[in-house]
PDB file of N, CA and C in Angstrom:
ATOM      1  N   UNK A   1      36.657 -25.721 -44.855  1.00  0.00           N
ATOM      2  CA  UNK A   1      35.454 -25.083 -44.451  1.00  0.00           C
ATOM      3  C   UNK A   1      34.856 -25.839 -43.267  1.00  0.00           C
ATOM      4  N   UNK A   2      34.381 -25.059 -42.381  1.00  0.00           N
ATOM      5  CA  UNK A   2      33.590 -25.644 -41.253  1.00  0.00           C
ATOM      6  C   UNK A   2      32.081 -25.448 -41.384  1.00  0.00           C
ATOM      7  N   UNK A   3      31.314 -26.359 -41.017  1.00  0.00           N
ATOM      8  CA  UNK A   3      29.799 -26.201 -41.041  1.00  0.00           C
ATOM      9  C   UNK A   3      29.334 -26.496 -39.700  1.00  0.00           C
ATOM     10  N   UNK A   4      28.277 -25.663 -39.246  1.00  0.00           N
ATOM     11  CA  UNK A   4      27.671 -25.864 -38.018  1.00  0.00           C
ATOM     12  C   UNK A   4      26.157 -25.802 -38.276  1.00  0.00           C
ATOM     13  N   UNK A   5      25.378 -26.796 -37.826  1.00  0.00           N
ATOM     14  CA  UNK A   5      23.903 -26.714 -38.118  1.00  0.00           C
ATOM     15  C   UNK A   5      23.187 -26.805 -36.876  1.00  0.00           C
ATOM     16  N   UNK A   6      21.973 -26.237 -36.910  1.00  0.00           N
ATOM     17  CA  UNK A   6      20.840 -26.238 -35.805  1.00  0.00           C
ATOM     18  C   UNK A   6      19.650 -26.053 -36.432  1.00  0.00           C
ATOM     19  N   UNK A   7      18.526 -26.169 -35.637  1.00  0.00           N
ATOM     20  CA  UNK A   7      17.186 -25.998 -36.035  1.00  0.00           C
ATOM     21  C   UNK A   7      16.382 -25.163 -35.109  1.00  0.00           C
ATOM     22  N   UNK A   8      15.341 -24.619 -35.652  1.00  0.00           N
ATOM     23  CA  UNK A   8      14.411 -23.850 -34.836  1.00  0.00           C
ATOM     24  C   UNK A   8      13.075 -24.088 -35.150  1.00  0.00           C
ATOM     25  N   UNK A   9      12.271 -24.509 -34.170  1.00  0.00           N
ATOM     26  CA  UNK A   9      10.878 -24.691 -34.322  1.00  0.00           C
ATOM     27  C   UNK A   9      10.054 -23.525 -34.325  1.00  0.00           C
ATOM     28  N   UNK A  10       9.181 -23.140 -35.382  1.00  0.00           N
ATOM     29  CA  UNK A  10       8.349 -22.110 -35.456  1.00  0.00           C
ATOM     30  C   UNK A  10       6.955 -22.450 -35.723  1.00  0.00           C
ATOM     31  N   UNK A  11       6.076 -21.539 -35.603  1.00  0.00           N
ATOM     32  CA  UNK A  11       4.629 -21.854 -35.945  1.00  0.00           C
ATOM     33  C   UNK A  11       4.455 -22.385 -37.356  1.00  0.00           C
ATOM     34  N   UNK A  12       5.277 -21.962 -38.292  1.00  0.00           N
ATOM     35  CA  UNK A  12       5.185 -22.456 -39.707  1.00  0.00           C
ATOM     36  C   UNK A  12       5.763 -23.804 -39.922  1.00  0.00           C
ATOM     37  N   UNK A  13       6.560 -24.270 -38.936  1.00  0.00           N
ATOM     38  CA  UNK A  13       7.273 -25.517 -39.173  1.00  0.00           C
ATOM     39  C   UNK A  13       8.761 -25.398 -38.689  1.00  0.00           C
ATOM     40  N   UNK A  14       9.561 -26.369 -38.907  1.00  0.00           N
ATOM     41  CA  UNK A  14      10.947 -26.332 -38.500  1.00  0.00           C
ATOM     42  C   UNK A  14      11.785 -25.607 -39.540  1.00  0.00           C
ATOM     43  N   UNK A  15      12.675 -24.685 -39.065  1.00  0.00           N
ATOM     44  CA  UNK A  15      13.581 -23.966 -39.874  1.00  0.00           C
ATOM     45  C   UNK A  15      14.967 -24.433 -39.569  1.00  0.00           C
ATOM     46  N   UNK A  16      15.757 -24.942 -40.576  1.00  0.00           N
ATOM     47  CA  UNK A  16      17.125 -25.339 -40.362  1.00  0.00           C
ATOM     48  C   UNK A  16      18.114 -24.344 -40.775  1.00  0.00           C
ATOM     49  N   UNK A  17      19.155 -24.202 -40.039  1.00  0.00           N
ATOM     50  CA  UNK A  17      20.209 -23.165 -40.222  1.00  0.00           C
ATOM     51  C   UNK A  17      21.513 -23.920 -40.423  1.00  0.00           C
ATOM     52  N   UNK A  18      22.431 -23.280 -41.196  1.00  0.00           N
ATOM     53  CA  UNK A  18      23.799 -23.764 -41.323  1.00  0.00           C
ATOM     54  C   UNK A  18      24.696 -22.499 -41.276  1.00  0.00           C
ATOM     55  N   UNK A  19      25.649 -22.595 -40.419  1.00  0.00           N
ATOM     56  CA  UNK A  19      26.714 -21.446 -40.403  1.00  0.00           C
ATOM     57  C   UNK A  19      27.994 -22.088 -41.054  1.00  0.00           C
ATOM     58  N   UNK A  20      28.503 -21.487 -42.119  1.00  0.00           N
ATOM     59  CA  UNK A  20      29.661 -21.912 -42.712  1.00  0.00           C
ATOM     60  C   UNK A  20      30.791 -20.987 -42.499  1.00  0.00           C
ATOM     61  N   UNK A  21      31.912 -21.500 -42.039  1.00  0.00           N
ATOM     62  CA  UNK A  21      33.113 -20.619 -41.807  1.00  0.00           C
ATOM     63  C   UNK A  21      34.183 -20.957 -42.825  1.00  0.00           C
ATOM     64  N   UNK A  22      34.549 -20.011 -43.652  1.00  0.00           N
ATOM     65  CA  UNK A  22      35.552 -20.335 -44.890  1.00  0.00           C
ATOM     66  C   UNK A  22      36.204 -19.054 -45.102  1.00  0.00           C
ATOM     67  N   UNK A  23      37.548 -19.087 -45.137  1.00  0.00           N
ATOM     68  CA  UNK A  23      38.284 -17.925 -45.467  1.00  0.00           C
ATOM     69  C   UNK A  23      38.046 -16.669 -44.528  1.00  0.00           C
ATOM     70  N   UNK A  24      38.062 -16.985 -43.184  1.00  0.00           N
ATOM     71  CA  UNK A  24      37.886 -15.960 -42.208  1.00  0.00           C
ATOM     72  C   UNK A  24      36.491 -15.208 -42.338  1.00  0.00           C
ATOM     73  N   UNK A  25      35.509 -15.941 -43.002  1.00  0.00           N
ATOM     74  CA  UNK A  25      34.146 -15.304 -43.057  1.00  0.00           C
ATOM     75  C   UNK A  25      33.078 -16.246 -42.752  1.00  0.00           C
ATOM     76  N   UNK A  26      32.032 -15.795 -42.131  1.00  0.00           N
ATOM     77  CA  UNK A  26      30.897 -16.563 -41.837  1.00  0.00           C
ATOM     78  C   UNK A  26      29.788 -16.345 -42.926  1.00  0.00           C
ATOM     79  N   UNK A  27      29.154 -17.463 -43.321  1.00  0.00           N
ATOM     80  CA  UNK A  27      27.986 -17.347 -44.120  1.00  0.00           C
ATOM     81  C   UNK A  27      26.831 -18.206 -43.517  1.00  0.00           C
ATOM     82  N   UNK A  28      25.647 -17.549 -43.331  1.00  0.00           N
ATOM     83  CA  UNK A  28      24.568 -18.191 -42.733  1.00  0.00           C
ATOM     84  C   UNK A  28      23.549 -18.539 -43.790  1.00  0.00           C
ATOM     85  N   UNK A  29      23.145 -19.838 -43.772  1.00  0.00           N
ATOM     86  CA  UNK A  29      22.109 -20.382 -44.816  1.00  0.00           C
ATOM     87  C   UNK A  29      20.890 -20.916 -43.975  1.00  0.00           C
ATOM     88  N   UNK A  30      19.870 -20.929 -44.706  1.00  0.00           N
ATOM     89  CA  UNK A  30      18.562 -21.423 -44.038  1.00  0.00           C
ATOM     90  C   UNK A  30      17.721 -22.116 -45.076  1.00  0.00           C
ATOM     91  N   UNK A  31      17.008 -23.109 -44.518  1.00  0.00           N
ATOM     92  CA  UNK A  31      16.009 -23.840 -45.351  1.00  0.00           C
ATOM     93  C   UNK A  31      14.915 -24.395 -44.491  1.00  0.00           C
ATOM     94  N   UNK A  32      13.784 -24.794 -45.070  1.00  0.00           N
ATOM     95  CA  UNK A  32      12.746 -25.359 -44.323  1.00  0.00           C
ATOM     96  C   UNK A  32      12.586 -26.909 -44.669  1.00  0.00           C
ATOM     97  N   UNK A  33      13.368 -27.338 -45.585  1.00  0.00           N
ATOM     98  CA  UNK A  33      13.281 -28.740 -45.992  1.00  0.00           C
ATOM     99  C   UNK A  33      14.449 -29.648 -45.387  1.00  0.00           C
ATOM    100  N   UNK A  34      14.072 -30.730 -44.765  1.00  0.00           N
ATOM    101  CA  UNK A  34      15.109 -31.617 -44.178  1.00  0.00           C
ATOM    102  C   UNK A  34      15.712 -32.482 -45.345  1.00  0.00           C
ATOM    103  N   UNK A  35      14.879 -33.021 -46.185  1.00  0.00           N
ATOM    104  CA  UNK A  35      15.325 -33.836 -47.296  1.00  0.00           C
ATOM    105  C   UNK A  35      15.530 -32.957 -48.495  1.00  0.00           C
ATOM    106  N   UNK A  36      16.585 -33.187 -49.200  1.00  0.00           N
ATOM    107  CA  UNK A  36      16.971 -32.500 -50.430  1.00  0.00           C
ATOM    108  C   UNK A  36      16.726 -31.000 -50.199  1.00  0.00           C
ATOM    109  N   UNK A  37      17.485 -30.418 -49.232  1.00  0.00           N
ATOM    110  CA  UNK A  37      17.308 -29.046 -48.910  1.00  0.00           C
ATOM    111  C   UNK A  37      17.728 -28.065 -50.066  1.00  0.00           C
ATOM    112  N   UNK A  38      17.105 -26.940 -50.242  1.00  0.00           N
ATOM    113  CA  UNK A  38      17.599 -25.885 -51.041  1.00  0.00           C
ATOM    114  C   UNK A  38      17.869 -24.718 -49.982  1.00  0.00           C
ATOM    115  N   UNK A  39      19.216 -24.546 -49.822  1.00  0.00           N
ATOM    116  CA  UNK A  39      19.686 -23.531 -48.921  1.00  0.00           C
ATOM    117  C   UNK A  39      19.648 -22.171 -49.513  1.00  0.00           C
ATOM    118  N   UNK A  40      19.176 -21.147 -48.700  1.00  0.00           N
ATOM    119  CA  UNK A  40      19.154 -19.716 -49.045  1.00  0.00           C
ATOM    120  C   UNK A  40      20.091 -18.986 -48.076  1.00  0.00           C
ATOM    121  N   UNK A  41      20.802 -18.084 -48.711  1.00  0.00           N
ATOM    122  CA  UNK A  41      21.749 -17.343 -47.854  1.00  0.00           C
ATOM    123  C   UNK A  41      20.983 -16.256 -47.059  1.00  0.00           C
ATOM    124  N   UNK A  42      21.312 -16.018 -45.846  1.00  0.00           N
ATOM    125  CA  UNK A  42      20.681 -14.935 -45.043  1.00  0.00           C
ATOM    126  C   UNK A  42      21.716 -13.764 -45.092  1.00  0.00           C
ATOM    127  N   UNK A  43      21.214 -12.752 -45.914  1.00  0.00           N
ATOM    128  CA  UNK A  43      22.101 -11.588 -46.127  1.00  0.00           C
ATOM    129  C   UNK A  43      22.313 -10.787 -44.936  1.00  0.00           C
ATOM    130  N   UNK A  44      21.421 -10.583 -43.997  1.00  0.00           N
ATOM    131  CA  UNK A  44      21.638  -9.828 -42.771  1.00  0.00           C
ATOM    132  C   UNK A  44      21.144 -10.584 -41.573  1.00  0.00           C
ATOM    133  N   UNK A  45      21.901 -11.543 -41.146  1.00  0.00           N
ATOM    134  CA  UNK A  45      21.497 -12.379 -39.877  1.00  0.00           C
ATOM    135  C   UNK A  45      21.269 -11.520 -38.711  1.00  0.00           C
ATOM    136  N   UNK A  46      20.181 -11.889 -37.928  1.00  0.00           N
ATOM    137  CA  UNK A  46      19.776 -11.044 -36.697  1.00  0.00           C
ATOM    138  C   UNK A  46      20.777 -11.520 -35.567  1.00  0.00           C
ATOM    139  N   UNK A  47      20.790 -10.775 -34.597  1.00  0.00           N
ATOM    140  CA  UNK A  47      21.604 -11.092 -33.384  1.00  0.00           C
ATOM    141  C   UNK A  47      21.200 -12.400 -32.895  1.00  0.00           C
ATOM    142  N   UNK A  48      19.887 -12.843 -32.829  1.00  0.00           N
ATOM    143  CA  UNK A  48      19.367 -14.072 -32.402  1.00  0.00           C
ATOM    144  C   UNK A  48      20.040 -15.203 -33.163  1.00  0.00           C
ATOM    145  N   UNK A  49      20.258 -15.072 -34.481  1.00  0.00           N
ATOM    146  CA  UNK A  49      20.901 -16.121 -35.345  1.00  0.00           C
ATOM    147  C   UNK A  49      22.289 -16.283 -34.863  1.00  0.00           C
ATOM    148  N   UNK A  50      22.976 -15.107 -34.753  1.00  0.00           N
ATOM    149  CA  UNK A  50      24.372 -15.183 -34.460  1.00  0.00           C
ATOM    150  C   UNK A  50      24.699 -15.827 -32.995  1.00  0.00           C
ATOM    151  N   UNK A  51      23.828 -15.541 -32.111  1.00  0.00           N
ATOM    152  CA  UNK A  51      23.868 -16.070 -30.704  1.00  0.00           C
ATOM    153  C   UNK A  51      23.567 -17.578 -30.696  1.00  0.00           C
ATOM    154  N   UNK A  52      22.705 -17.976 -31.601  1.00  0.00           N
ATOM    155  CA  UNK A  52      22.293 -19.500 -31.734  1.00  0.00           C
ATOM    156  C   UNK A  52      23.657 -20.120 -32.225  1.00  0.00           C
ATOM    157  N   UNK A  53      24.261 -19.576 -33.323  1.00  0.00           N
ATOM    158  CA  UNK A  53      25.422 -20.102 -33.866  1.00  0.00           C
ATOM    159  C   UNK A  53      26.544 -20.213 -32.890  1.00  0.00           C
ATOM    160  N   UNK A  54      26.680 -19.181 -32.144  1.00  0.00           N
ATOM    161  CA  UNK A  54      27.690 -19.132 -30.960  1.00  0.00           C
ATOM    162  C   UNK A  54      27.488 -20.278 -30.028  1.00  0.00           C
ATOM    163  N   UNK A  55      26.247 -20.484 -29.644  1.00  0.00           N
ATOM    164  CA  UNK A  55      25.862 -21.583 -28.758  1.00  0.00           C
ATOM    165  C   UNK A  55      26.286 -22.955 -29.324  1.00  0.00           C
ATOM    166  N   UNK A  56      26.046 -23.095 -30.581  1.00  0.00           N
ATOM    167  CA  UNK A  56      26.383 -24.401 -31.324  1.00  0.00           C
ATOM    168  C   UNK A  56      27.902 -24.613 -31.297  1.00  0.00           C
ATOM    169  N   UNK A  57      28.625 -23.569 -31.675  1.00  0.00           N
ATOM    170  CA  UNK A  57      30.089 -23.609 -31.690  1.00  0.00           C
ATOM    171  C   UNK A  57      30.655 -23.812 -30.257  1.00  0.00           C
ATOM    172  N   UNK A  58      30.029 -23.173 -29.281  1.00  0.00           N
ATOM    173  CA  UNK A  58      30.545 -23.371 -27.924  1.00  0.00           C
ATOM    174  C   UNK A  58      30.381 -24.845 -27.468  1.00  0.00           C
ATOM    175  N   UNK A  59      29.213 -25.391 -27.708  1.00  0.00           N
ATOM    176  CA  UNK A  59      29.007 -26.824 -27.352  1.00  0.00           C
ATOM    177  C   UNK A  59      29.997 -27.684 -28.207  1.00  0.00           C
ATOM    178  N   UNK A  60      30.257 -27.470 -29.429  1.00  0.00           N
ATOM    179  CA  UNK A  60      31.306 -28.221 -30.096  1.00  0.00           C
ATOM    180  C   UNK A  60      32.685 -28.143 -29.520  1.00  0.00           C
ATOM    181  N   UNK A  61      33.019 -26.911 -29.039  1.00  0.00           N
ATOM    182  CA  UNK A  61      34.281 -26.603 -28.549  1.00  0.00           C
ATOM    183  C   UNK A  61      34.422 -27.490 -27.196  1.00  0.00           C
ATOM    184  N   UNK A  62      33.388 -27.571 -26.341  1.00  0.00           N
ATOM    185  CA  UNK A  62      33.389 -28.332 -25.085  1.00  0.00           C
ATOM    186  C   UNK A  62      33.582 -29.750 -25.308  1.00  0.00           C
ATOM    187  N   UNK A  63      33.167 -30.273 -26.526  1.00  0.00           N
ATOM    188  CA  UNK A  63      33.439 -31.661 -26.859  1.00  0.00           C
ATOM    189  C   UNK A  63      34.779 -31.872 -27.684  1.00  0.00           C
ATOM    190  N   UNK A  64      35.519 -30.833 -27.770  1.00  0.00           N
ATOM    191  CA  UNK A  64      36.745 -30.924 -28.505  1.00  0.00           C
ATOM    192  C   UNK A  64      36.501 -31.093 -29.918  1.00  0.00           C
ATOM    193  N   UNK A  65      35.561 -30.490 -30.466  1.00  0.00           N
ATOM    194  CA  UNK A  65      35.239 -30.679 -31.911  1.00  0.00           C
ATOM    195  C   UNK A  65      35.266 -29.349 -32.674  1.00  0.00           C
ATOM    196  N   UNK A  66      35.873 -28.254 -32.051  1.00  0.00           N
ATOM    197  CA  UNK A  66      35.979 -27.026 -32.624  1.00  0.00           C
ATOM    198  C   UNK A  66      37.070 -26.189 -32.007  1.00  0.00           C
ATOM    199  N   UNK A  67      37.688 -25.215 -32.694  1.00  0.00           N
ATOM    200  CA  UNK A  67      38.733 -24.359 -32.195  1.00  0.00           C
ATOM    201  C   UNK A  67      38.191 -23.239 -31.373  1.00  0.00           C
ATOM    202  N   UNK A  68      38.973 -22.909 -30.362  1.00  0.00           N
ATOM    203  CA  UNK A  68      38.531 -21.756 -29.485  1.00  0.00           C
ATOM    204  C   UNK A  68      38.396 -20.465 -30.243  1.00  0.00           C
ATOM    205  N   UNK A  69      39.153 -20.218 -31.357  1.00  0.00           N
ATOM    206  CA  UNK A  69      39.232 -19.024 -32.123  1.00  0.00           C
ATOM    207  C   UNK A  69      37.795 -18.649 -32.738  1.00  0.00           C
ATOM    208  N   UNK A  70      37.076 -19.703 -33.030  1.00  0.00           N
ATOM    209  CA  UNK A  70      35.764 -19.417 -33.578  1.00  0.00           C
ATOM    210  C   UNK A  70      34.811 -18.735 -32.532  1.00  0.00           C
ATOM    211  N   UNK A  71      34.943 -19.181 -31.354  1.00  0.00           N
ATOM    212  CA  UNK A  71      34.158 -18.518 -30.223  1.00  0.00           C
ATOM    213  C   UNK A  71      34.537 -16.964 -29.995  1.00  0.00           C
ATOM    214  N   UNK A  72      35.786 -16.885 -30.104  1.00  0.00           N
ATOM    215  CA  UNK A  72      36.401 -15.416 -29.939  1.00  0.00           C
ATOM    216  C   UNK A  72      35.876 -14.595 -31.033  1.00  0.00           C
ATOM    217  N   UNK A  73      35.902 -15.045 -32.307  1.00  0.00           N
ATOM    218  CA  UNK A  73      35.484 -14.333 -33.493  1.00  0.00           C
ATOM    219  C   UNK A  73      33.932 -14.024 -33.332  1.00  0.00           C
ATOM    220  N   UNK A  74      33.175 -15.056 -32.870  1.00  0.00           N
ATOM    221  CA  UNK A  74      31.789 -14.687 -32.708  1.00  0.00           C
ATOM    222  C   UNK A  74      31.467 -13.649 -31.623  1.00  0.00           C
ATOM    223  N   UNK A  75      32.249 -13.792 -30.495  1.00  0.00           N
ATOM    224  CA  UNK A  75      32.009 -12.864 -29.355  1.00  0.00           C
ATOM    225  C   UNK A  75      32.367 -11.480 -29.909  1.00  0.00           C
ATOM    226  N   UNK A  76      33.404 -11.307 -30.652  1.00  0.00           N
ATOM    227  CA  UNK A  76      33.822  -9.966 -31.165  1.00  0.00           C
ATOM    228  C   UNK A  76      32.719  -9.463 -32.094  1.00  0.00           C
ATOM    229  N   UNK A  77      32.168 -10.271 -32.956  1.00  0.00           N
ATOM    230  CA  UNK A  77      31.063  -9.893 -33.912  1.00  0.00           C
ATOM    231  C   UNK A  77      29.867  -9.392 -33.084  1.00  0.00           C
ATOM    232  N   UNK A  78      29.523 -10.056 -32.034  1.00  0.00           N
ATOM    233  CA  UNK A  78      28.430  -9.702 -31.160  1.00  0.00           C
ATOM    234  C   UNK A  78      28.596  -8.548 -30.289  1.00  0.00           C
ATOM    235  N   UNK A  79      29.920  -8.092 -30.203  1.00  0.00           N
ATOM    236  CA  UNK A  79      30.170  -6.935 -29.324  1.00  0.00           C
ATOM    237  C   UNK A  79      30.366  -7.358 -27.893  1.00  0.00           C
ATOM    238  N   UNK A  80      30.437  -8.645 -27.641  1.00  0.00           N
ATOM    239  CA  UNK A  80      30.667  -9.176 -26.229  1.00  0.00           C
ATOM    240  C   UNK A  80      32.156  -9.209 -25.944  1.00  0.00           C
ATOM    241  N   UNK A  81      32.518  -9.146 -24.728  1.00  0.00           N
ATOM    242  CA  UNK A  81      33.858  -9.379 -24.262  1.00  0.00           C
ATOM    243  C   UNK A  81      34.183 -10.796 -24.416  1.00  0.00           C
ATOM    244  N   UNK A  82      35.253 -11.051 -25.087  1.00  0.00           N
ATOM    245  CA  UNK A  82      35.628 -12.448 -25.374  1.00  0.00           C
ATOM    246  C   UNK A  82      35.709 -13.261 -24.034  1.00  0.00           C
ATOM    247  N   UNK A  83      35.070 -14.408 -24.018  1.00  0.00           N
ATOM    248  CA  UNK A  83      35.149 -15.263 -22.801  1.00  0.00           C
ATOM    249  C   UNK A  83      36.553 -15.718 -22.627  1.00  0.00           C
ATOM    250  N   UNK A  84      37.125 -15.736 -21.401  1.00  0.00           N
ATOM    251  CA  UNK A  84      38.418 -16.285 -21.212  1.00  0.00           C
ATOM    252  C   UNK A  84      38.448 -17.716 -21.485  1.00  0.00           C
ATOM    253  N   UNK A  85      39.511 -18.181 -22.183  1.00  0.00           N
ATOM    254  CA  UNK A  85      39.652 -19.565 -22.488  1.00  0.00           C
ATOM    255  C   UNK A  85      39.679 -20.488 -21.267  1.00  0.00           C
ATOM    256  N   UNK A  86      38.755 -21.546 -21.181  1.00  0.00           N
ATOM    257  CA  UNK A  86      38.782 -22.460 -20.143  1.00  0.00           C
ATOM    258  C   UNK A  86      40.070 -23.230 -20.201  1.00  0.00           C
ATOM    259  N   UNK A  87      40.571 -23.696 -19.009  1.00  0.00           N
ATOM    260  CA  UNK A  87      41.752 -24.587 -18.934  1.00  0.00           C
ATOM    261  C   UNK A  87      41.336 -25.962 -18.809  1.00  0.00           C
TER     262      UNK A  87
END
């Protein structure tokens, strides 16, 4: 299983996200607690959440910390033309 985390600052406070990839499926979780978090599953993630996850995965790929296939999967889910693999 792969996990990718990021945070978003809102007027209510910081919201933490986690995208898990397991068995060819993505699961998005969210919490507002940094210590001892209780993660809640996001049943219908918005396009904004998917794009934020894609950005996190892209940055990891650039540092050789993730496979190119995850970026292609996310681009397809978003309806974008898959980015050509950089050499």
